[in-house]
């Protein structure tokens, strides 16, 4: 896109959605939800939280890995609780590393 979605007038947004819907055979309202999902992910991963989060679930399989071709409107994120509870790491039985962390 040469112009940001958010700088378009609502009429231009609707026109763009209808054009994309006709080309992709997906409903315009789902395409608009997808724009918001991408915006949310962008905002999260441009923030200081990014290095502490793991993006997972259907949306990650679709957006990042292109393994599945479907729309998912939820964003599944995991936050390592050890970042919140540093004292737990000092105990003799700390929280185990999650499988998602081991893959990184």
C-alpha atoms as a PDB file:
ATOM      1  CA  UNK A   1       0.000   0.000   0.000  1.00  0.00           C
ATOM      2  CA  UNK A   2       1.366   3.384  -0.895  1.00  0.00           C
ATOM      3  CA  UNK A   3      -0.923   5.101   1.593  1.00  0.00           C
ATOM      4  CA  UNK A   4      -1.425   3.950   5.133  1.00  0.00           C
ATOM      5  CA  UNK A   5      -4.755   2.275   5.692  1.00  0.00           C
ATOM      6  CA  UNK A   6      -5.381   4.611   8.589  1.00  0.00           C
ATOM      7  CA  UNK A   7      -4.880   7.741   6.496  1.00  0.00           C
ATOM      8  CA  UNK A   8      -7.590   6.715   4.026  1.00  0.00           C
ATOM      9  CA  UNK A   9     -11.089   8.110   4.311  1.00  0.00           C
ATOM     10  CA  UNK A  10     -13.720   5.594   5.385  1.00  0.00           C
ATOM     11  CA  UNK A  11     -15.132   5.637   1.835  1.00  0.00           C
ATOM     12  CA  UNK A  12     -11.687   4.793   0.416  1.00  0.00           C
ATOM     13  CA  UNK A  13     -11.249   2.043   2.999  1.00  0.00           C
ATOM     14  CA  UNK A  14     -14.595   0.527   2.004  1.00  0.00           C
ATOM     15  CA  UNK A  15     -13.678   0.743  -1.675  1.00  0.00           C
ATOM     16  CA  UNK A  16     -10.336  -0.960  -1.018  1.00  0.00           C
ATOM     17  CA  UNK A  17     -12.009  -3.684   1.050  1.00  0.00           C
ATOM     18  CA  UNK A  18     -14.610  -4.346  -1.638  1.00  0.00           C
ATOM     19  CA  UNK A  19     -11.893  -4.516  -4.301  1.00  0.00           C
ATOM     20  CA  UNK A  20      -9.834  -6.937  -2.204  1.00  0.00           C
ATOM     21  CA  UNK A  21     -12.923  -8.993  -1.353  1.00  0.00           C
ATOM     22  CA  UNK A  22     -13.726  -9.410  -5.042  1.00  0.00           C
ATOM     23  CA  UNK A  23     -10.161 -10.507  -5.825  1.00  0.00           C
ATOM     24  CA  UNK A  24      -9.704 -12.849  -2.875  1.00  0.00           C
ATOM     25  CA  UNK A  25     -13.264 -14.141  -2.571  1.00  0.00           C
ATOM     26  CA  UNK A  26     -13.140 -13.378   1.154  1.00  0.00           C
ATOM     27  CA  UNK A  27     -15.720 -11.242   2.943  1.00  0.00           C
ATOM     28  CA  UNK A  28     -14.769  -7.576   3.307  1.00  0.00           C
ATOM     29  CA  UNK A  29     -15.438  -7.601   7.051  1.00  0.00           C
ATOM     30  CA  UNK A  30     -12.897 -10.408   7.555  1.00  0.00           C
ATOM     31  CA  UNK A  31     -10.329  -8.546   5.495  1.00  0.00           C
ATOM     32  CA  UNK A  32     -10.808  -5.495   7.686  1.00  0.00           C
ATOM     33  CA  UNK A  33     -10.430  -7.606  10.840  1.00  0.00           C
ATOM     34  CA  UNK A  34      -7.211  -8.958   9.353  1.00  0.00           C
ATOM     35  CA  UNK A  35      -5.901  -5.408   8.944  1.00  0.00           C
ATOM     36  CA  UNK A  36      -6.520  -4.835  12.648  1.00  0.00           C
ATOM     37  CA  UNK A  37      -4.834  -8.123  13.616  1.00  0.00           C
ATOM     38  CA  UNK A  38      -1.731  -7.108  11.659  1.00  0.00           C
ATOM     39  CA  UNK A  39      -1.818  -3.633  13.217  1.00  0.00           C
ATOM     40  CA  UNK A  40      -2.040  -5.094  16.735  1.00  0.00           C
ATOM     41  CA  UNK A  41       0.837  -7.487  16.061  1.00  0.00           C
ATOM     42  CA  UNK A  42       2.932  -4.661  14.660  1.00  0.00           C
ATOM     43  CA  UNK A  43       2.248  -2.468  17.696  1.00  0.00           C
ATOM     44  CA  UNK A  44       3.111  -5.294  20.094  1.00  0.00           C
ATOM     45  CA  UNK A  45       6.324  -6.273  18.353  1.00  0.00           C
ATOM     46  CA  UNK A  46       7.504  -2.675  18.052  1.00  0.00           C
ATOM     47  CA  UNK A  47       7.119  -2.310  21.825  1.00  0.00           C
ATOM     48  CA  UNK A  48       9.474  -3.240  24.647  1.00  0.00           C
ATOM     49  CA  UNK A  49       7.320  -6.303  25.350  1.00  0.00           C
ATOM     50  CA  UNK A  50       8.328  -7.985  22.090  1.00  0.00           C
ATOM     51  CA  UNK A  51      11.388  -9.788  23.413  1.00  0.00           C
ATOM     52  CA  UNK A  52       9.364 -11.262  26.282  1.00  0.00           C
ATOM     53  CA  UNK A  53       6.483 -12.646  24.219  1.00  0.00           C
ATOM     54  CA  UNK A  54       6.000 -15.759  22.145  1.00  0.00           C
ATOM     55  CA  UNK A  55       3.475 -15.553  19.314  1.00  0.00           C
ATOM     56  CA  UNK A  56       1.669 -18.861  18.856  1.00  0.00           C
ATOM     57  CA  UNK A  57      -1.597 -20.436  17.728  1.00  0.00           C
ATOM     58  CA  UNK A  58      -3.504 -20.379  14.463  1.00  0.00           C
ATOM     59  CA  UNK A  59      -2.733 -16.764  13.662  1.00  0.00           C
ATOM     60  CA  UNK A  60       1.009 -17.426  13.916  1.00  0.00           C
ATOM     61  CA  UNK A  61       0.692 -20.486  11.688  1.00  0.00           C
ATOM     62  CA  UNK A  62      -1.109 -18.359   9.127  1.00  0.00           C
ATOM     63  CA  UNK A  63       0.789 -15.053   9.341  1.00  0.00           C
ATOM     64  CA  UNK A  64       4.330 -16.149  10.119  1.00  0.00           C
ATOM     65  CA  UNK A  65       4.729 -19.661   8.807  1.00  0.00           C
ATOM     66  CA  UNK A  66       2.054 -19.694   6.061  1.00  0.00           C
ATOM     67  CA  UNK A  67       1.237 -23.267   7.092  1.00  0.00           C
ATOM     68  CA  UNK A  68      -2.510 -22.740   7.082  1.00  0.00           C
ATOM     69  CA  UNK A  69      -4.635 -20.530   4.860  1.00  0.00           C
ATOM     70  CA  UNK A  70      -7.357 -19.255   7.105  1.00  0.00           C
ATOM     71  CA  UNK A  71      -8.316 -16.139   8.976  1.00  0.00           C
ATOM     72  CA  UNK A  72      -7.920 -16.161  12.721  1.00  0.00           C
ATOM     73  CA  UNK A  73      -9.055 -13.098  14.628  1.00  0.00           C
ATOM     74  CA  UNK A  74      -7.434 -13.907  17.937  1.00  0.00           C
ATOM     75  CA  UNK A  75      -3.802 -13.303  18.771  1.00  0.00           C
ATOM     76  CA  UNK A  76      -2.281 -15.945  21.040  1.00  0.00           C
ATOM     77  CA  UNK A  77       0.696 -14.707  23.025  1.00  0.00           C
ATOM     78  CA  UNK A  78       2.647 -16.325  25.824  1.00  0.00           C
ATOM     79  CA  UNK A  79       4.506 -14.311  28.418  1.00  0.00           C
ATOM     80  CA  UNK A  80       7.189 -15.982  30.500  1.00  0.00           C
ATOM     81  CA  UNK A  81       5.912 -15.635  34.071  1.00  0.00           C
ATOM     82  CA  UNK A  82       9.489 -15.730  35.319  1.00  0.00           C
ATOM     83  CA  UNK A  83       9.775 -12.166  34.036  1.00  0.00           C
ATOM     84  CA  UNK A  84       7.050 -11.194  36.503  1.00  0.00           C
ATOM     85  CA  UNK A  85       8.104 -13.366  39.419  1.00  0.00           C
ATOM     86  CA  UNK A  86      11.891 -13.161  39.551  1.00  0.00           C
ATOM     87  CA  UNK A  87      11.817 -14.457  43.147  1.00  0.00           C
ATOM     88  CA  UNK A  88      10.592 -17.842  41.886  1.00  0.00           C
ATOM     89  CA  UNK A  89      13.879 -18.363  40.069  1.00  0.00           C
ATOM     90  CA  UNK A  90      15.739 -18.251  43.382  1.00  0.00           C
ATOM     91  CA  UNK A  91      13.714 -21.150  44.796  1.00  0.00           C
ATOM     92  CA  UNK A  92      15.007 -24.711  44.647  1.00  0.00           C
ATOM     93  CA  UNK A  93      12.101 -25.783  42.429  1.00  0.00           C
ATOM     94  CA  UNK A  94      11.807 -23.029  39.799  1.00  0.00           C
ATOM     95  CA  UNK A  95       9.159 -22.879  37.085  1.00  0.00           C
ATOM     96  CA  UNK A  96      10.163 -25.259  34.255  1.00  0.00           C
ATOM     97  CA  UNK A  97      10.992 -23.922  30.809  1.00  0.00           C
ATOM     98  CA  UNK A  98       7.980 -24.200  28.509  1.00  0.00           C
ATOM     99  CA  UNK A  99       8.221 -26.193  25.252  1.00  0.00           C
ATOM    100  CA  UNK A 100       7.667 -22.953  23.307  1.00  0.00           C
ATOM    101  CA  UNK A 101      10.759 -21.389  24.913  1.00  0.00           C
ATOM    102  CA  UNK A 102      12.906 -24.429  24.119  1.00  0.00           C
ATOM    103  CA  UNK A 103      12.128 -24.089  20.413  1.00  0.00           C
ATOM    104  CA  UNK A 104      13.361 -20.493  20.220  1.00  0.00           C
END
